[in-house]
Amino acid sequence: MDSMLEFFEDVKLLTSFNGCDIFEIIEQKDKHIFFASYRGSDAKGFYNENGFTVLRGSILAKDTVPSFGWREKREKEIKEFAIEKDGKIILDYDKTFSSPSSAADFCIGSSNNGWIIWRDKKGQTLDDVYRKKLEEKI
């Protein structure tokens, strides 16, 4: 058993060097949560230095608009990270995207400006909460 734990720790360390923190447990405690509910999606997530993380349990749009640019990649990721239950596509794992827009695109199935689409429970956009505060500091 000890050798398995050592092996796991080695794999975890090596993947982190390549920027693949696949074993990292994402804590959502004390995170500023944002929501996006468009085209049948009902997603939630948070933004940090790693990008935008869509949280497990988020409902994804069933299809994409005809102009959507990465339909095949989205379908592949849905097969990998989501389940279908009661006619809904539900994210089964937390999934981090490099940008709020790619996270929104994945959830909604269309091209979006994630800085405007993601809103907190007060109705503030991600842009209002993060970008504008950064501009004020400059």
N, C-alpha and C. Protein backbone atom coordinates (compact mmCIF):
# COMPACT_ATOMS: atom_id res chain seq x y z
N MET A 1 0.83 -1.20 0.00
CA MET A 1 0.00 0.00 0.00
C MET A 1 0.87 1.25 0.00
N ASP A 2 1.96 1.25 0.75
CA ASP A 2 2.85 2.40 0.79
C ASP A 2 3.44 2.70 -0.58
N SER A 3 3.77 1.65 -1.33
CA SER A 3 4.35 1.87 -2.65
C SER A 3 3.32 2.50 -3.61
N MET A 4 2.05 2.17 -3.45
CA MET A 4 1.00 2.78 -4.27
C MET A 4 0.86 4.26 -3.95
N LEU A 5 0.90 4.62 -2.67
CA LEU A 5 0.82 6.02 -2.27
C LEU A 5 2.02 6.81 -2.79
N GLU A 6 3.20 6.19 -2.73
CA GLU A 6 4.39 6.85 -3.26
C GLU A 6 4.26 7.07 -4.75
N PHE A 7 3.77 6.05 -5.46
CA PHE A 7 3.57 6.16 -6.90
C PHE A 7 2.58 7.28 -7.22
N PHE A 8 1.49 7.33 -6.49
CA PHE A 8 0.48 8.37 -6.70
C PHE A 8 1.09 9.75 -6.48
N GLU A 9 1.85 9.91 -5.41
CA GLU A 9 2.48 11.21 -5.13
C GLU A 9 3.46 11.59 -6.23
N ASP A 10 4.19 10.60 -6.78
CA ASP A 10 5.11 10.88 -7.90
C ASP A 10 4.35 11.34 -9.13
N VAL A 11 3.26 10.66 -9.46
CA VAL A 11 2.45 11.04 -10.62
C VAL A 11 1.86 12.42 -10.41
N LYS A 12 1.36 12.68 -9.23
CA LYS A 12 0.79 13.99 -8.90
C LYS A 12 1.83 15.09 -9.06
N LEU A 13 3.04 14.85 -8.59
CA LEU A 13 4.11 15.83 -8.71
C LEU A 13 4.49 16.06 -10.17
N LEU A 14 4.67 14.99 -10.93
CA LEU A 14 5.07 15.12 -12.34
C LEU A 14 4.01 15.82 -13.17
N THR A 15 2.74 15.54 -12.93
CA THR A 15 1.69 16.21 -13.72
C THR A 15 1.60 17.68 -13.36
N SER A 16 1.89 18.04 -12.13
CA SER A 16 1.83 19.45 -11.75
C SER A 16 2.92 20.26 -12.45
N PHE A 17 4.08 19.64 -12.74
CA PHE A 17 5.14 20.34 -13.46
C PHE A 17 4.72 20.68 -14.88
N ASN A 18 3.85 19.89 -15.44
CA ASN A 18 3.36 20.13 -16.80
C ASN A 18 2.12 21.01 -16.81
N GLY A 19 1.76 21.56 -15.67
CA GLY A 19 0.58 22.42 -15.60
C GLY A 19 -0.72 21.65 -15.57
N CYS A 20 -0.66 20.38 -15.31
CA CYS A 20 -1.86 19.54 -15.28
C CYS A 20 -2.17 19.16 -13.84
N ASP A 21 -2.81 20.06 -13.13
CA ASP A 21 -3.13 19.79 -11.73
C ASP A 21 -4.41 18.97 -11.65
N ILE A 22 -4.37 17.77 -12.26
CA ILE A 22 -5.58 16.96 -12.35
C ILE A 22 -5.98 16.34 -11.01
N PHE A 23 -5.07 16.34 -10.07
CA PHE A 23 -5.39 15.75 -8.77
C PHE A 23 -5.66 16.82 -7.71
N GLU A 24 -5.62 18.08 -8.13
CA GLU A 24 -5.85 19.18 -7.20
C GLU A 24 -7.32 19.22 -6.80
N ILE A 25 -7.57 19.31 -5.54
CA ILE A 25 -8.94 19.43 -5.05
C ILE A 25 -9.28 20.90 -4.99
N ILE A 26 -10.32 21.27 -5.70
CA ILE A 26 -10.70 22.67 -5.76
C ILE A 26 -11.68 22.96 -4.63
N GLU A 27 -11.30 23.90 -3.81
CA GLU A 27 -12.16 24.30 -2.70
C GLU A 27 -13.04 25.45 -3.14
N GLN A 28 -14.33 25.36 -2.91
CA GLN A 28 -15.19 26.47 -3.26
C GLN A 28 -15.63 27.27 -2.04
N LYS A 29 -15.15 26.87 -0.88
CA LYS A 29 -15.46 27.59 0.34
C LYS A 29 -14.91 29.01 0.25
N ASP A 30 -15.72 29.98 0.60
CA ASP A 30 -15.33 31.38 0.58
C ASP A 30 -15.00 31.90 -0.82
N LYS A 31 -15.45 31.22 -1.86
CA LYS A 31 -15.25 31.69 -3.22
C LYS A 31 -16.43 32.57 -3.61
N HIS A 32 -16.16 33.55 -4.44
CA HIS A 32 -17.21 34.40 -4.97
C HIS A 32 -17.84 33.62 -6.13
N ILE A 33 -19.06 33.16 -5.95
CA ILE A 33 -19.72 32.28 -6.93
C ILE A 33 -20.50 33.13 -7.93
N PHE A 34 -20.37 32.71 -9.21
CA PHE A 34 -21.07 33.36 -10.31
C PHE A 34 -21.97 32.35 -11.00
N PHE A 35 -23.00 32.85 -11.68
CA PHE A 35 -24.01 32.01 -12.32
C PHE A 35 -24.21 32.42 -13.77
N ALA A 36 -24.57 31.44 -14.60
CA ALA A 36 -24.94 31.71 -16.00
C ALA A 36 -26.10 30.78 -16.34
N SER A 37 -27.21 31.37 -16.74
CA SER A 37 -28.40 30.59 -17.09
C SER A 37 -28.95 31.06 -18.43
N TYR A 38 -28.43 30.48 -19.49
CA TYR A 38 -28.84 30.82 -20.86
C TYR A 38 -28.95 29.54 -21.67
N ARG A 39 -29.87 29.54 -22.65
CA ARG A 39 -30.06 28.42 -23.58
C ARG A 39 -30.22 27.08 -22.85
N GLY A 40 -30.90 27.07 -21.73
CA GLY A 40 -31.14 25.83 -20.99
C GLY A 40 -30.05 25.46 -20.00
N SER A 41 -29.00 26.26 -19.95
CA SER A 41 -27.94 25.97 -18.99
C SER A 41 -28.28 26.62 -17.64
N ASP A 42 -27.73 26.08 -16.60
CA ASP A 42 -27.85 26.65 -15.26
C ASP A 42 -26.54 26.31 -14.54
N ALA A 43 -25.51 27.11 -14.84
CA ALA A 43 -24.16 26.80 -14.38
C ALA A 43 -23.72 27.76 -13.28
N LYS A 44 -22.77 27.28 -12.49
CA LYS A 44 -22.18 28.12 -11.46
C LYS A 44 -20.69 27.83 -11.39
N GLY A 45 -19.94 28.85 -10.96
CA GLY A 45 -18.50 28.68 -10.88
C GLY A 45 -17.84 29.86 -10.21
N PHE A 46 -16.51 29.85 -10.21
CA PHE A 46 -15.74 30.93 -9.61
C PHE A 46 -14.50 31.21 -10.44
N TYR A 47 -13.97 32.41 -10.23
CA TYR A 47 -12.79 32.87 -10.96
C TYR A 47 -11.63 33.02 -10.00
N ASN A 48 -10.43 32.58 -10.44
CA ASN A 48 -9.21 32.82 -9.67
C ASN A 48 -8.02 32.85 -10.63
N GLU A 49 -6.81 32.82 -10.09
CA GLU A 49 -5.61 32.93 -10.93
C GLU A 49 -5.45 31.76 -11.90
N ASN A 50 -6.14 30.67 -11.70
CA ASN A 50 -6.05 29.52 -12.60
C ASN A 50 -7.02 29.61 -13.77
N GLY A 51 -7.97 30.52 -13.70
CA GLY A 51 -8.98 30.65 -14.74
C GLY A 51 -10.36 30.64 -14.12
N PHE A 52 -11.34 30.16 -14.88
CA PHE A 52 -12.71 30.10 -14.38
C PHE A 52 -13.08 28.62 -14.23
N THR A 53 -13.51 28.25 -13.03
CA THR A 53 -13.89 26.87 -12.72
C THR A 53 -15.40 26.75 -12.68
N VAL A 54 -15.93 25.89 -13.55
CA VAL A 54 -17.36 25.58 -13.53
C VAL A 54 -17.53 24.43 -12.56
N LEU A 55 -18.48 24.57 -11.66
CA LEU A 55 -18.64 23.61 -10.57
C LEU A 55 -19.51 22.41 -10.93
N ARG A 56 -19.15 21.31 -10.33
CA ARG A 56 -19.90 20.06 -10.44
C ARG A 56 -21.37 20.33 -10.11
N GLY A 57 -22.26 19.72 -10.88
CA GLY A 57 -23.69 19.92 -10.66
C GLY A 57 -24.28 20.97 -11.59
N SER A 58 -23.43 21.72 -12.28
CA SER A 58 -23.92 22.71 -13.24
C SER A 58 -24.63 22.01 -14.39
N ILE A 59 -25.72 22.61 -14.85
CA ILE A 59 -26.47 22.07 -15.98
C ILE A 59 -26.00 22.77 -17.24
N LEU A 60 -25.66 21.98 -18.26
CA LEU A 60 -25.14 22.49 -19.52
C LEU A 60 -26.23 22.50 -20.58
N ALA A 61 -26.12 23.43 -21.52
CA ALA A 61 -27.04 23.45 -22.66
C ALA A 61 -26.89 22.14 -23.42
N LYS A 62 -28.01 21.61 -23.91
CA LYS A 62 -27.98 20.32 -24.60
C LYS A 62 -27.29 20.37 -25.95
N ASP A 63 -27.39 21.51 -26.62
CA ASP A 63 -26.84 21.60 -27.97
C ASP A 63 -26.07 22.90 -28.14
N THR A 64 -25.58 23.11 -29.35
CA THR A 64 -24.84 24.33 -29.66
C THR A 64 -25.55 25.07 -30.79
N VAL A 65 -25.28 26.35 -30.90
CA VAL A 65 -25.80 27.12 -32.03
C VAL A 65 -24.99 26.72 -33.27
N PRO A 66 -25.57 26.88 -34.47
CA PRO A 66 -24.86 26.47 -35.69
C PRO A 66 -23.48 27.12 -35.88
N SER A 67 -23.30 28.34 -35.39
CA SER A 67 -22.03 29.04 -35.58
C SER A 67 -20.97 28.71 -34.54
N PHE A 68 -21.29 27.83 -33.60
CA PHE A 68 -20.35 27.52 -32.52
C PHE A 68 -19.08 26.89 -33.08
N GLY A 69 -17.92 27.44 -32.70
CA GLY A 69 -16.65 27.05 -33.31
C GLY A 69 -16.00 25.78 -32.83
N TRP A 70 -16.29 25.32 -31.64
CA TRP A 70 -15.61 24.12 -31.14
C TRP A 70 -16.59 23.06 -30.64
N ARG A 71 -17.56 22.78 -31.50
CA ARG A 71 -18.63 21.82 -31.19
C ARG A 71 -18.07 20.44 -30.84
N GLU A 72 -17.16 19.92 -31.68
CA GLU A 72 -16.64 18.56 -31.45
C GLU A 72 -15.87 18.47 -30.14
N LYS A 73 -15.06 19.48 -29.84
CA LYS A 73 -14.31 19.49 -28.58
C LYS A 73 -15.27 19.55 -27.39
N ARG A 74 -16.31 20.37 -27.51
CA ARG A 74 -17.30 20.47 -26.43
C ARG A 74 -17.98 19.12 -26.21
N GLU A 75 -18.39 18.46 -27.28
CA GLU A 75 -19.05 17.15 -27.16
C GLU A 75 -18.12 16.14 -26.49
N LYS A 76 -16.85 16.17 -26.86
CA LYS A 76 -15.87 15.25 -26.26
C LYS A 76 -15.74 15.53 -24.76
N GLU A 77 -15.65 16.82 -24.39
CA GLU A 77 -15.51 17.17 -22.98
C GLU A 77 -16.78 16.85 -22.19
N ILE A 78 -17.93 16.98 -22.82
CA ILE A 78 -19.18 16.61 -22.14
C ILE A 78 -19.18 15.11 -21.85
N LYS A 79 -18.74 14.31 -22.81
CA LYS A 79 -18.67 12.86 -22.59
C LYS A 79 -17.71 12.52 -21.45
N GLU A 80 -16.65 13.31 -21.34
CA GLU A 80 -15.63 13.05 -20.33
C GLU A 80 -16.00 13.58 -18.94
N PHE A 81 -16.68 14.73 -18.88
CA PHE A 81 -16.88 15.40 -17.60
C PHE A 81 -18.33 15.50 -17.14
N ALA A 82 -19.28 15.02 -17.92
CA ALA A 82 -20.69 15.21 -17.57
C ALA A 82 -21.47 13.90 -17.67
N ILE A 83 -22.66 13.91 -17.09
CA ILE A 83 -23.57 12.78 -17.19
C ILE A 83 -24.92 13.31 -17.67
N GLU A 84 -25.72 12.42 -18.21
CA GLU A 84 -27.08 12.81 -18.59
C GLU A 84 -28.03 12.19 -17.58
N LYS A 85 -28.88 13.04 -17.02
CA LYS A 85 -29.82 12.59 -16.00
C LYS A 85 -31.12 13.37 -16.16
N ASP A 86 -32.21 12.68 -16.23
CA ASP A 86 -33.53 13.29 -16.37
C ASP A 86 -33.59 14.27 -17.55
N GLY A 87 -32.92 13.90 -18.64
CA GLY A 87 -32.94 14.73 -19.85
C GLY A 87 -32.05 15.95 -19.78
N LYS A 88 -31.23 16.06 -18.73
CA LYS A 88 -30.33 17.20 -18.58
C LYS A 88 -28.89 16.73 -18.62
N ILE A 89 -28.01 17.58 -19.12
CA ILE A 89 -26.58 17.30 -19.10
C ILE A 89 -26.01 18.00 -17.87
N ILE A 90 -25.47 17.20 -16.95
CA ILE A 90 -24.99 17.73 -15.67
C ILE A 90 -23.50 17.47 -15.54
N LEU A 91 -22.76 18.52 -15.25
CA LEU A 91 -21.32 18.41 -15.06
C LEU A 91 -21.06 17.55 -13.82
N ASP A 92 -20.28 16.50 -14.00
CA ASP A 92 -20.03 15.55 -12.92
C ASP A 92 -18.74 15.83 -12.16
N TYR A 93 -17.93 16.74 -12.67
CA TYR A 93 -16.67 17.12 -12.04
C TYR A 93 -16.51 18.64 -12.18
N ASP A 94 -15.79 19.26 -11.26
CA ASP A 94 -15.41 20.65 -11.45
C ASP A 94 -14.48 20.70 -12.66
N LYS A 95 -14.64 21.73 -13.49
CA LYS A 95 -13.81 21.85 -14.70
C LYS A 95 -13.33 23.28 -14.81
N THR A 96 -11.99 23.45 -14.87
CA THR A 96 -11.38 24.77 -14.98
C THR A 96 -11.05 25.09 -16.43
N PHE A 97 -11.40 26.30 -16.84
CA PHE A 97 -11.13 26.80 -18.18
C PHE A 97 -10.14 27.95 -18.08
N SER A 98 -9.42 28.20 -19.14
CA SER A 98 -8.41 29.26 -19.13
C SER A 98 -9.02 30.65 -19.05
N SER A 99 -10.28 30.78 -19.45
CA SER A 99 -10.93 32.10 -19.41
C SER A 99 -12.40 31.97 -19.06
N PRO A 100 -12.99 33.04 -18.54
CA PRO A 100 -14.43 33.03 -18.25
C PRO A 100 -15.26 32.84 -19.52
N SER A 101 -14.77 33.34 -20.65
CA SER A 101 -15.52 33.20 -21.91
C SER A 101 -15.56 31.75 -22.39
N SER A 102 -14.43 31.04 -22.31
CA SER A 102 -14.45 29.64 -22.74
C SER A 102 -15.32 28.80 -21.80
N ALA A 103 -15.34 29.15 -20.52
CA ALA A 103 -16.22 28.45 -19.57
C ALA A 103 -17.68 28.69 -19.93
N ALA A 104 -18.02 29.94 -20.24
CA ALA A 104 -19.39 30.27 -20.63
C ALA A 104 -19.76 29.59 -21.94
N ASP A 105 -18.85 29.60 -22.91
CA ASP A 105 -19.10 28.95 -24.20
C ASP A 105 -19.42 27.47 -23.99
N PHE A 106 -18.64 26.81 -23.16
CA PHE A 106 -18.83 25.38 -22.88
C PHE A 106 -20.20 25.13 -22.27
N CYS A 107 -20.58 25.95 -21.30
CA CYS A 107 -21.85 25.75 -20.59
C CYS A 107 -23.06 26.07 -21.46
N ILE A 108 -22.95 27.13 -22.25
CA ILE A 108 -24.10 27.65 -22.99
C ILE A 108 -24.19 27.10 -24.41
N GLY A 109 -23.06 26.68 -24.97
CA GLY A 109 -23.07 26.14 -26.32
C GLY A 109 -23.12 27.20 -27.40
N SER A 110 -22.64 28.39 -27.07
CA SER A 110 -22.54 29.49 -28.03
C SER A 110 -21.38 30.38 -27.61
N SER A 111 -20.98 31.27 -28.51
CA SER A 111 -19.89 32.20 -28.17
C SER A 111 -20.40 33.30 -27.26
N ASN A 112 -19.64 33.58 -26.21
CA ASN A 112 -20.07 34.55 -25.20
C ASN A 112 -18.90 35.35 -24.67
N ASN A 113 -19.22 36.51 -24.14
CA ASN A 113 -18.24 37.28 -23.38
C ASN A 113 -18.46 36.90 -21.92
N GLY A 114 -17.61 36.03 -21.41
CA GLY A 114 -17.76 35.52 -20.06
C GLY A 114 -17.68 36.58 -18.98
N TRP A 115 -16.98 37.68 -19.27
CA TRP A 115 -16.86 38.75 -18.28
C TRP A 115 -18.21 39.42 -18.03
N ILE A 116 -19.13 39.28 -18.98
CA ILE A 116 -20.46 39.88 -18.83
C ILE A 116 -21.53 38.83 -18.52
N ILE A 117 -21.38 37.64 -19.06
CA ILE A 117 -22.38 36.57 -18.87
C ILE A 117 -22.44 36.09 -17.42
N TRP A 118 -21.28 35.86 -16.80
CA TRP A 118 -21.25 35.35 -15.43
C TRP A 118 -21.63 36.46 -14.47
N ARG A 119 -22.67 36.20 -13.65
CA ARG A 119 -23.16 37.19 -12.68
C ARG A 119 -23.27 36.53 -11.30
N ASP A 120 -23.01 37.33 -10.27
CA ASP A 120 -23.15 36.80 -8.91
C ASP A 120 -24.60 36.94 -8.45
N LYS A 121 -24.88 36.55 -7.22
CA LYS A 121 -26.26 36.57 -6.73
C LYS A 121 -26.81 37.99 -6.60
N LYS A 122 -25.93 38.99 -6.60
CA LYS A 122 -26.37 40.39 -6.55
C LYS A 122 -26.59 40.97 -7.95
N GLY A 123 -26.28 40.17 -8.98
CA GLY A 123 -26.43 40.64 -10.35
C GLY A 123 -25.20 41.31 -10.92
N GLN A 124 -24.13 41.36 -10.14
CA GLN A 124 -22.89 41.96 -10.63
C GLN A 124 -22.20 41.01 -11.60
N THR A 125 -21.67 41.57 -12.69
CA THR A 125 -20.94 40.75 -13.64
C THR A 125 -19.54 40.45 -13.10
N LEU A 126 -18.92 39.46 -13.68
CA LEU A 126 -17.54 39.13 -13.34
C LEU A 126 -16.65 40.35 -13.62
N ASP A 127 -16.95 41.07 -14.69
CA ASP A 127 -16.24 42.29 -15.03
C ASP A 127 -16.35 43.31 -13.91
N ASP A 128 -17.56 43.51 -13.40
CA ASP A 128 -17.78 44.47 -12.30
C ASP A 128 -16.95 44.09 -11.07
N VAL A 129 -16.91 42.82 -10.76
CA VAL A 129 -16.27 42.37 -9.52
C VAL A 129 -14.76 42.35 -9.63
N TYR A 130 -14.20 41.90 -10.77
CA TYR A 130 -12.75 41.71 -10.87
C TYR A 130 -12.03 42.74 -11.72
N ARG A 131 -12.40 42.90 -12.95
CA ARG A 131 -11.67 43.80 -13.84
C ARG A 131 -11.73 45.25 -13.38
N LYS A 132 -12.89 45.72 -13.05
CA LYS A 132 -13.02 47.12 -12.66
C LYS A 132 -12.29 47.42 -11.35
N LYS A 133 -12.24 46.46 -10.45
CA LYS A 133 -11.48 46.65 -9.21
C LYS A 133 -9.99 46.72 -9.50
N LEU A 134 -9.53 45.93 -10.49
CA LEU A 134 -8.12 45.98 -10.86
C LEU A 134 -7.78 47.34 -11.47
N GLU A 135 -8.68 47.87 -12.31
CA GLU A 135 -8.46 49.17 -12.94
C GLU A 135 -8.39 50.27 -11.89
N GLU A 136 -9.19 50.15 -10.85
CA GLU A 136 -9.21 51.17 -9.78
C GLU A 136 -7.88 51.20 -9.04
N LYS A 137 -7.20 50.06 -8.95
CA LYS A 137 -5.93 49.99 -8.23
C LYS A 137 -4.79 50.61 -9.03
N ILE A 138 -4.96 50.69 -10.34
CA ILE A 138 -3.87 51.18 -11.20
C ILE A 138 -3.80 52.68 -11.20
